[in-house]
All heavy atoms as atom14 arrays in JSON, in Angstrom:
{
  "sequence": "GSLRLSCAASGGTFSRYALGWFRQAPGKEREFVAGMSKSGY",
  "atom14_mask": [
    [1, 1, 1, 1, 0, 0, 0, 0, 0, 0, 0, 0, 0, 0],
    [1, 1, 1, 1, 1, 1, 0, 0, 0, 0, 0, 0, 0, 0],
    [1, 1, 1, 1, 1, 1, 1, 1, 0, 0, 0, 0, 0, 0],
    [1, 1, 1, 1, 1, 1, 1, 1, 1, 1, 1, 0, 0, 0],
    [1, 1, 1, 1, 1, 1, 1, 1, 0, 0, 0, 0, 0, 0],
    [1, 1, 1, 1, 1, 1, 0, 0, 0, 0, 0, 0, 0, 0],
    [1, 1, 1, 1, 1, 1, 0, 0, 0, 0, 0, 0, 0, 0],
    [1, 1, 1, 1, 1, 0, 0, 0, 0, 0, 0, 0, 0, 0],
    [1, 1, 1, 1, 1, 0, 0, 0, 0, 0, 0, 0, 0, 0],
    [1, 1, 1, 1, 1, 1, 0, 0, 0, 0, 0, 0, 0, 0],
    [1, 1, 1, 1, 0, 0, 0, 0, 0, 0, 0, 0, 0, 0],
    [1, 1, 1, 1, 0, 0, 0, 0, 0, 0, 0, 0, 0, 0],
    [1, 1, 1, 1, 1, 1, 1, 0, 0, 0, 0, 0, 0, 0],
    [1, 1, 1, 1, 1, 1, 1, 1, 1, 1, 1, 0, 0, 0],
    [1, 1, 1, 1, 1, 1, 0, 0, 0, 0, 0, 0, 0, 0],
    [1, 1, 1, 1, 1, 1, 1, 1, 1, 1, 1, 0, 0, 0],
    [1, 1, 1, 1, 1, 1, 1, 1, 1, 1, 1, 1, 0, 0],
    [1, 1, 1, 1, 1, 0, 0, 0, 0, 0, 0, 0, 0, 0],
    [1, 1, 1, 1, 1, 1, 1, 1, 0, 0, 0, 0, 0, 0],
    [1, 1, 1, 1, 0, 0, 0, 0, 0, 0, 0, 0, 0, 0],
    [1, 1, 1, 1, 1, 1, 1, 1, 1, 1, 1, 1, 1, 1],
    [1, 1, 1, 1, 1, 1, 1, 1, 1, 1, 1, 0, 0, 0],
    [1, 1, 1, 1, 1, 1, 1, 1, 1, 1, 1, 0, 0, 0],
    [1, 1, 1, 1, 1, 1, 1, 1, 1, 0, 0, 0, 0, 0],
    [1, 1, 1, 1, 1, 0, 0, 0, 0, 0, 0, 0, 0, 0],
    [1, 1, 1, 1, 1, 1, 1, 0, 0, 0, 0, 0, 0, 0],
    [1, 1, 1, 1, 0, 0, 0, 0, 0, 0, 0, 0, 0, 0],
    [1, 1, 1, 1, 1, 1, 1, 1, 1, 0, 0, 0, 0, 0],
    [1, 1, 1, 1, 1, 1, 1, 1, 1, 0, 0, 0, 0, 0],
    [1, 1, 1, 1, 1, 1, 1, 1, 1, 1, 1, 0, 0, 0],
    [1, 1, 1, 1, 1, 1, 1, 1, 1, 0, 0, 0, 0, 0],
    [1, 1, 1, 1, 1, 1, 1, 1, 1, 1, 1, 0, 0, 0],
    [1, 1, 1, 1, 1, 1, 1, 0, 0, 0, 0, 0, 0, 0],
    [1, 1, 1, 1, 1, 0, 0, 0, 0, 0, 0, 0, 0, 0],
    [1, 1, 1, 1, 0, 0, 0, 0, 0, 0, 0, 0, 0, 0],
    [1, 1, 1, 1, 1, 1, 1, 1, 0, 0, 0, 0, 0, 0],
    [1, 1, 1, 1, 1, 1, 0, 0, 0, 0, 0, 0, 0, 0],
    [1, 1, 1, 1, 1, 1, 1, 1, 1, 0, 0, 0, 0, 0],
    [1, 1, 1, 1, 1, 1, 0, 0, 0, 0, 0, 0, 0, 0],
    [1, 1, 1, 1, 0, 0, 0, 0, 0, 0, 0, 0, 0, 0],
    [1, 1, 1, 1, 1, 1, 1, 1, 1, 1, 1, 1, 0, 0]
  ],
  "atom14_positions": [
    [[-3.82, -42.65, -9.04], [-3.06, -41.46, -8.7], [-1.62, -41.55, -9.16], [-1.2, -42.51, -9.82], [0.0, 0.0, 0.0], [0.0, 0.0, 0.0], [0.0, 0.0, 0.0], [0.0, 0.0, 0.0], [0.0, 0.0, 0.0], [0.0, 0.0, 0.0], [0.0, 0.0, 0.0], [0.0, 0.0, 0.0], [0.0, 0.0, 0.0], [0.0, 0.0, 0.0]],
    [[-0.84, -40.52, -8.79], [0.55, -40.42, -9.22], [1.45, -40.1, -8.03], [1.02, -39.48, -7.06], [0.71, -39.32, -10.26], [-0.02, -39.59, -11.43], [0.0, 0.0, 0.0], [0.0, 0.0, 0.0], [0.0, 0.0, 0.0], [0.0, 0.0, 0.0], [0.0, 0.0, 0.0], [0.0, 0.0, 0.0], [0.0, 0.0, 0.0], [0.0, 0.0, 0.0]],
    [[2.69, -40.53, -8.14], [3.74, -40.19, -7.2], [5.03, -40.03, -7.98], [5.21, -40.66, -9.04], [3.94, -41.27, -6.14], [2.98, -41.37, -4.97], [3.3, -42.61, -4.14], [3.02, -40.12, -4.11], [0.0, 0.0, 0.0], [0.0, 0.0, 0.0], [0.0, 0.0, 0.0], [0.0, 0.0, 0.0], [0.0, 0.0, 0.0], [0.0, 0.0, 0.0]],
    [[5.93, -39.21, -7.46], [7.26, -39.12, -8.05], [8.3, -39.41, -6.98], [8.36, -38.72, -5.96], [7.53, -37.75, -8.65], [8.84, -37.72, -9.44], [9.08, -36.41, -10.15], [9.63, -35.39, -9.27], [10.37, -34.37, -9.69], [10.65, -34.25, -10.98], [10.81, -33.47, -8.83], [0.0, 0.0, 0.0], [0.0, 0.0, 0.0], [0.0, 0.0, 0.0]],
    [[9.07, -40.44, -7.21], [10.18, -40.77, -6.33], [11.44, -40.04, -6.79], [11.68, -39.91, -7.99], [10.44, -42.27, -6.33], [9.3, -43.17, -5.85], [9.73, -44.64, -5.93], [8.88, -42.81, -4.46], [0.0, 0.0, 0.0], [0.0, 0.0, 0.0], [0.0, 0.0, 0.0], [0.0, 0.0, 0.0], [0.0, 0.0, 0.0], [0.0, 0.0, 0.0]],
    [[12.21, -39.6, -5.82], [13.5, -38.99, -6.1], [14.58, -39.79, -5.4], [14.34, -40.39, -4.34], [13.54, -37.55, -5.59], [12.56, -36.76, -6.22], [0.0, 0.0, 0.0], [0.0, 0.0, 0.0], [0.0, 0.0, 0.0], [0.0, 0.0, 0.0], [0.0, 0.0, 0.0], [0.0, 0.0, 0.0], [0.0, 0.0, 0.0], [0.0, 0.0, 0.0]],
    [[15.76, -39.77, -5.96], [16.9, -40.46, -5.36], [18.12, -39.56, -5.54], [18.6, -39.36, -6.65], [17.12, -41.81, -6.01], [18.59, -42.67, -5.45], [0.0, 0.0, 0.0], [0.0, 0.0, 0.0], [0.0, 0.0, 0.0], [0.0, 0.0, 0.0], [0.0, 0.0, 0.0], [0.0, 0.0, 0.0], [0.0, 0.0, 0.0], [0.0, 0.0, 0.0]],
    [[18.6, -39.01, -4.43], [19.74, -38.1, -4.45], [21.02, -38.87, -4.18], [21.1, -39.66, -3.23], [19.55, -37.01, -3.42], [0.0, 0.0, 0.0], [0.0, 0.0, 0.0], [0.0, 0.0, 0.0], [0.0, 0.0, 0.0], [0.0, 0.0, 0.0], [0.0, 0.0, 0.0], [0.0, 0.0, 0.0], [0.0, 0.0, 0.0], [0.0, 0.0, 0.0]],
    [[22.03, -38.62, -5.0], [23.31, -39.32, -4.88], [24.38, -38.39, -4.33], [24.37, -37.18, -4.6], [23.73, -39.86, -6.22], [0.0, 0.0, 0.0], [0.0, 0.0, 0.0], [0.0, 0.0, 0.0], [0.0, 0.0, 0.0], [0.0, 0.0, 0.0], [0.0, 0.0, 0.0], [0.0, 0.0, 0.0], [0.0, 0.0, 0.0], [0.0, 0.0, 0.0]],
    [[25.3, -38.96, -3.59], [26.44, -38.21, -3.1], [27.64, -39.15, -3.0], [27.49, -40.37, -3.01], [26.15, -37.61, -1.72], [25.89, -38.62, -0.77], [0.0, 0.0, 0.0], [0.0, 0.0, 0.0], [0.0, 0.0, 0.0], [0.0, 0.0, 0.0], [0.0, 0.0, 0.0], [0.0, 0.0, 0.0], [0.0, 0.0, 0.0], [0.0, 0.0, 0.0]],
    [[28.82, -38.57, -2.93], [30.02, -39.35, -2.72], [30.6, -39.98, -3.96], [31.52, -40.79, -3.85], [0.0, 0.0, 0.0], [0.0, 0.0, 0.0], [0.0, 0.0, 0.0], [0.0, 0.0, 0.0], [0.0, 0.0, 0.0], [0.0, 0.0, 0.0], [0.0, 0.0, 0.0], [0.0, 0.0, 0.0], [0.0, 0.0, 0.0], [0.0, 0.0, 0.0]],
    [[30.08, -39.65, -5.11], [30.61, -40.23, -6.35], [30.38, -39.29, -7.51], [29.91, -38.17, -7.32], [0.0, 0.0, 0.0], [0.0, 0.0, 0.0], [0.0, 0.0, 0.0], [0.0, 0.0, 0.0], [0.0, 0.0, 0.0], [0.0, 0.0, 0.0], [0.0, 0.0, 0.0], [0.0, 0.0, 0.0], [0.0, 0.0, 0.0], [0.0, 0.0, 0.0]],
    [[30.7, -39.75, -8.71], [30.49, -38.94, -9.92], [29.2, -39.4, -10.57], [29.18, -40.39, -11.3], [31.68, -39.09, -10.87], [32.89, -38.77, -10.18], [31.51, -38.16, -12.06], [0.0, 0.0, 0.0], [0.0, 0.0, 0.0], [0.0, 0.0, 0.0], [0.0, 0.0, 0.0], [0.0, 0.0, 0.0], [0.0, 0.0, 0.0], [0.0, 0.0, 0.0]],
    [[28.15, -38.66, -10.33], [26.8, -39.1, -10.73], [26.7, -39.29, -12.24], [26.03, -40.21, -12.7], [25.78, -38.07, -10.26], [24.36, -38.46, -10.51], [23.72, -39.37, -9.67], [23.66, -37.94, -11.58], [22.4, -39.73, -9.9], [22.34, -38.29, -11.81], [21.71, -39.2, -10.97], [0.0, 0.0, 0.0], [0.0, 0.0, 0.0], [0.0, 0.0, 0.0]],
    [[27.35, -38.44, -13.0], [27.24, -38.54, -14.46], [27.83, -39.83, -15.0], [27.58, -40.19, -16.15], [27.92, -37.33, -15.12], [29.29, -37.31, -14.78], [0.0, 0.0, 0.0], [0.0, 0.0, 0.0], [0.0, 0.0, 0.0], [0.0, 0.0, 0.0], [0.0, 0.0, 0.0], [0.0, 0.0, 0.0], [0.0, 0.0, 0.0], [0.0, 0.0, 0.0]],
    [[28.6, -40.54, -14.21], [29.18, -41.81, -14.63], [28.29, -43.01, -14.28], [28.64, -44.14, -14.58], [30.55, -42.02, -14.0], [31.6, -41.05, -14.49], [32.97, -41.39, -13.92], [34.01, -40.5, -14.43], [35.28, -40.57, -14.07], [35.67, -41.51, -13.21], [36.16, -39.73, -14.56], [0.0, 0.0, 0.0], [0.0, 0.0, 0.0], [0.0, 0.0, 0.0]],
    [[27.16, -42.75, -13.65], [26.32, -43.84, -13.17], [25.28, -44.27, -14.21], [24.57, -43.45, -14.76], [25.55, -43.43, -11.93], [26.35, -43.21, -10.67], [25.77, -42.6, -9.57], [27.67, -43.61, -10.57], [26.48, -42.39, -8.4], [28.39, -43.4, -9.41], [27.79, -42.79, -8.32], [28.5, -42.59, -7.17], [0.0, 0.0, 0.0], [0.0, 0.0, 0.0]],
    [[25.17, -45.6, -14.4], [23.93, -46.16, -14.91], [23.01, -46.29, -13.71], [23.47, -46.59, -12.59], [24.18, -47.51, -15.56], [0.0, 0.0, 0.0], [0.0, 0.0, 0.0], [0.0, 0.0, 0.0], [0.0, 0.0, 0.0], [0.0, 0.0, 0.0], [0.0, 0.0, 0.0], [0.0, 0.0, 0.0], [0.0, 0.0, 0.0], [0.0, 0.0, 0.0]],
    [[21.72, -46.09, -13.93], [20.79, -46.0, -12.81], [19.62, -46.96, -12.97], [19.22, -47.29, -14.09], [20.26, -44.56, -12.72], [21.32, -43.5, -12.48], [20.79, -42.13, -12.84], [21.8, -43.53, -11.05], [0.0, 0.0, 0.0], [0.0, 0.0, 0.0], [0.0, 0.0, 0.0], [0.0, 0.0, 0.0], [0.0, 0.0, 0.0], [0.0, 0.0, 0.0]],
    [[19.08, -47.36, -11.83], [17.93, -48.25, -11.88], [17.01, -48.07, -10.69], [17.42, -47.54, -9.65], [0.0, 0.0, 0.0], [0.0, 0.0, 0.0], [0.0, 0.0, 0.0], [0.0, 0.0, 0.0], [0.0, 0.0, 0.0], [0.0, 0.0, 0.0], [0.0, 0.0, 0.0], [0.0, 0.0, 0.0], [0.0, 0.0, 0.0], [0.0, 0.0, 0.0]],
    [[15.77, -48.49, -10.88], [14.79, -48.57, -9.81], [14.32, -50.02, -9.69], [14.01, -50.66, -10.72], [13.6, -47.67, -10.08], [13.86, -46.21, -9.9], [14.21, -45.3, -10.87], [13.8, -45.47, -8.68], [14.37, -44.06, -10.32], [14.12, -44.13, -8.97], [13.51, -45.82, -7.35], [14.16, -43.13, -8.0], [13.53, -44.83, -6.39], [13.86, -43.5, -6.7]],
    [[14.26, -50.51, -8.48], [13.76, -51.84, -8.18], [12.66, -51.7, -7.13], [12.52, -50.66, -6.49], [14.89, -52.73, -7.63], [15.93, -53.1, -8.64], [16.87, -52.17, -9.07], [15.99, -54.38, -9.16], [17.84, -52.51, -10.01], [16.96, -54.74, -10.09], [17.88, -53.8, -10.52], [0.0, 0.0, 0.0], [0.0, 0.0, 0.0], [0.0, 0.0, 0.0]],
    [[11.88, -52.78, -6.96], [10.87, -52.76, -5.91], [10.73, -54.16, -5.32], [11.0, -55.16, -5.99], [9.53, -52.27, -6.43], [8.87, -53.17, -7.46], [7.61, -52.52, -8.02], [6.96, -53.35, -9.03], [5.93, -52.96, -9.76], [5.42, -51.73, -9.6], [5.4, -53.78, -10.65], [0.0, 0.0, 0.0], [0.0, 0.0, 0.0], [0.0, 0.0, 0.0]],
    [[10.28, -54.17, -4.08], [10.05, -55.44, -3.4], [8.74, -55.35, -2.64], [8.59, -54.54, -1.72], [11.2, -55.78, -2.45], [11.06, -57.16, -1.84], [12.33, -57.6, -1.14], [13.17, -56.79, -0.76], [12.49, -58.91, -0.97], [0.0, 0.0, 0.0], [0.0, 0.0, 0.0], [0.0, 0.0, 0.0], [0.0, 0.0, 0.0], [0.0, 0.0, 0.0]],
    [[7.81, -56.19, -3.04], [6.52, -56.28, -2.36], [6.61, -57.32, -1.26], [7.46, -58.22, -1.32], [5.43, -56.66, -3.36], [0.0, 0.0, 0.0], [0.0, 0.0, 0.0], [0.0, 0.0, 0.0], [0.0, 0.0, 0.0], [0.0, 0.0, 0.0], [0.0, 0.0, 0.0], [0.0, 0.0, 0.0], [0.0, 0.0, 0.0], [0.0, 0.0, 0.0]],
    [[5.75, -57.24, -0.24], [5.79, -58.22, 0.85], [5.67, -59.64, 0.34], [4.79, -59.96, -0.47], [4.57, -57.83, 1.69], [4.37, -56.4, 1.42], [4.74, -56.21, -0.02], [0.0, 0.0, 0.0], [0.0, 0.0, 0.0], [0.0, 0.0, 0.0], [0.0, 0.0, 0.0], [0.0, 0.0, 0.0], [0.0, 0.0, 0.0], [0.0, 0.0, 0.0]],
    [[6.59, -60.5, 0.78], [6.55, -61.9, 0.39], [7.07, -62.19, -0.99], [7.0, -63.34, -1.45], [0.0, 0.0, 0.0], [0.0, 0.0, 0.0], [0.0, 0.0, 0.0], [0.0, 0.0, 0.0], [0.0, 0.0, 0.0], [0.0, 0.0, 0.0], [0.0, 0.0, 0.0], [0.0, 0.0, 0.0], [0.0, 0.0, 0.0], [0.0, 0.0, 0.0]],
    [[7.59, -61.18, -1.67], [8.09, -61.38, -3.03], [9.55, -60.98, -3.13], [10.07, -60.25, -2.28], [7.26, -60.57, -4.03], [5.81, -61.02, -4.13], [5.09, -60.29, -5.24], [3.67, -60.79, -5.4], [2.96, -60.1, -6.51], [0.0, 0.0, 0.0], [0.0, 0.0, 0.0], [0.0, 0.0, 0.0], [0.0, 0.0, 0.0], [0.0, 0.0, 0.0]],
    [[10.2, -61.44, -4.18], [11.58, -61.06, -4.42], [11.64, -59.65, -5.01], [10.7, -59.16, -5.61], [12.24, -62.05, -5.37], [12.38, -63.45, -4.79], [13.13, -64.4, -5.71], [13.41, -64.01, -6.85], [13.44, -65.51, -5.27], [0.0, 0.0, 0.0], [0.0, 0.0, 0.0], [0.0, 0.0, 0.0], [0.0, 0.0, 0.0], [0.0, 0.0, 0.0]],
    [[12.79, -59.03, -4.82], [12.98, -57.71, -5.4], [13.04, -57.84, -6.92], [13.68, -58.77, -7.44], [14.26, -57.08, -4.85], [14.46, -55.64, -5.24], [15.34, -54.89, -4.25], [16.65, -55.47, -4.06], [17.56, -54.97, -3.23], [17.28, -53.89, -2.51], [18.73, -55.56, -3.12], [0.0, 0.0, 0.0], [0.0, 0.0, 0.0], [0.0, 0.0, 0.0]],
    [[12.39, -56.92, -7.63], [12.34, -56.98, -9.08], [12.76, -55.65, -9.7], [12.56, -54.58, -9.12], [10.93, -57.34, -9.57], [9.87, -56.29, -9.3], [8.56, -56.55, -10.05], [8.53, -57.41, -10.96], [7.57, -55.85, -9.72], [0.0, 0.0, 0.0], [0.0, 0.0, 0.0], [0.0, 0.0, 0.0], [0.0, 0.0, 0.0], [0.0, 0.0, 0.0]],
    [[13.3, -55.75, -10.89], [13.66, -54.59, -11.69], [12.38, -53.87, -12.12], [11.42, -54.51, -12.55], [14.47, -55.02, -12.89], [14.7, -53.95, -13.92], [15.69, -53.01, -13.75], [13.92, -53.9, -15.05], [15.91, -52.02, -14.69], [14.11, -52.93, -16.01], [15.11, -51.99, -15.83], [0.0, 0.0, 0.0], [0.0, 0.0, 0.0], [0.0, 0.0, 0.0]],
    [[12.4, -52.54, -12.05], [11.26, -51.74, -12.48], [11.63, -50.88, -13.69], [10.94, -50.89, -14.7], [10.76, -50.83, -11.34], [9.64, -49.93, -11.83], [10.28, -51.67, -10.16], [0.0, 0.0, 0.0], [0.0, 0.0, 0.0], [0.0, 0.0, 0.0], [0.0, 0.0, 0.0], [0.0, 0.0, 0.0], [0.0, 0.0, 0.0], [0.0, 0.0, 0.0]],
    [[12.71, -50.13, -13.57], [13.11, -49.22, -14.64], [14.6, -48.97, -14.57], [15.19, -49.01, -13.48], [12.36, -47.89, -14.53], [0.0, 0.0, 0.0], [0.0, 0.0, 0.0], [0.0, 0.0, 0.0], [0.0, 0.0, 0.0], [0.0, 0.0, 0.0], [0.0, 0.0, 0.0], [0.0, 0.0, 0.0], [0.0, 0.0, 0.0], [0.0, 0.0, 0.0]],
    [[15.21, -48.71, -15.73], [16.63, -48.44, -15.75], [16.97, -47.41, -16.81], [16.24, -47.23, -17.79], [0.0, 0.0, 0.0], [0.0, 0.0, 0.0], [0.0, 0.0, 0.0], [0.0, 0.0, 0.0], [0.0, 0.0, 0.0], [0.0, 0.0, 0.0], [0.0, 0.0, 0.0], [0.0, 0.0, 0.0], [0.0, 0.0, 0.0], [0.0, 0.0, 0.0]],
    [[18.07, -46.71, -16.58], [18.54, -45.71, -17.53], [20.05, -45.87, -17.69], [20.76, -46.06, -16.7], [18.19, -44.31, -17.05], [18.76, -43.19, -17.91], [18.13, -41.57, -17.46], [16.59, -41.55, -18.39], [0.0, 0.0, 0.0], [0.0, 0.0, 0.0], [0.0, 0.0, 0.0], [0.0, 0.0, 0.0], [0.0, 0.0, 0.0], [0.0, 0.0, 0.0]],
    [[20.52, -45.76, -18.91], [21.94, -45.88, -19.18], [22.71, -44.67, -18.64], [22.12, -43.63, -18.31], [22.17, -45.98, -20.69], [21.7, -44.8, -21.33], [0.0, 0.0, 0.0], [0.0, 0.0, 0.0], [0.0, 0.0, 0.0], [0.0, 0.0, 0.0], [0.0, 0.0, 0.0], [0.0, 0.0, 0.0], [0.0, 0.0, 0.0], [0.0, 0.0, 0.0]],
    [[24.0, -44.8, -18.56], [24.85, -43.7, -18.12], [24.66, -42.48, -19.01], [24.63, -41.35, -18.55], [26.32, -44.13, -18.14], [27.28, -43.07, -17.61], [28.73, -43.51, -17.71], [29.29, -43.3, -19.08], [30.77, -43.43, -19.1], [0.0, 0.0, 0.0], [0.0, 0.0, 0.0], [0.0, 0.0, 0.0], [0.0, 0.0, 0.0], [0.0, 0.0, 0.0]],
    [[24.51, -42.71, -20.31], [24.36, -41.61, -21.25], [23.01, -40.91, -21.1], [22.86, -39.76, -21.5], [24.49, -42.12, -22.68], [23.38, -42.96, -23.0], [0.0, 0.0, 0.0], [0.0, 0.0, 0.0], [0.0, 0.0, 0.0], [0.0, 0.0, 0.0], [0.0, 0.0, 0.0], [0.0, 0.0, 0.0], [0.0, 0.0, 0.0], [0.0, 0.0, 0.0]],
    [[22.04, -41.63, -20.54], [20.69, -41.08, -20.44], [19.86, -41.29, -21.69], [18.67, -41.0, -21.71], [0.0, 0.0, 0.0], [0.0, 0.0, 0.0], [0.0, 0.0, 0.0], [0.0, 0.0, 0.0], [0.0, 0.0, 0.0], [0.0, 0.0, 0.0], [0.0, 0.0, 0.0], [0.0, 0.0, 0.0], [0.0, 0.0, 0.0], [0.0, 0.0, 0.0]],
    [[20.46, -41.86, -22.73], [19.74, -42.01, -23.99], [18.91, -43.29, -24.04], [17.98, -43.39, -24.86], [20.72, -42.01, -25.16], [21.41, -40.69, -25.38], [22.77, -40.61, -25.61], [20.68, -39.51, -25.36], [23.4, -39.39, -25.82], [21.3, -38.28, -25.57], [22.66, -38.23, -25.8], [23.27, -37.02, -26.0], [0.0, 0.0, 0.0], [0.0, 0.0, 0.0]]
  ]
}
């Protein structure tokens, strides 16, 4: 199946952010999943 996660930002200038998604499974360390540059490119 599929899911879409959303992450809403406030209190800063969003267009200046590099962004990332991480995940942590039970008993494991948090790991990088996906990232996007500030430019979006």
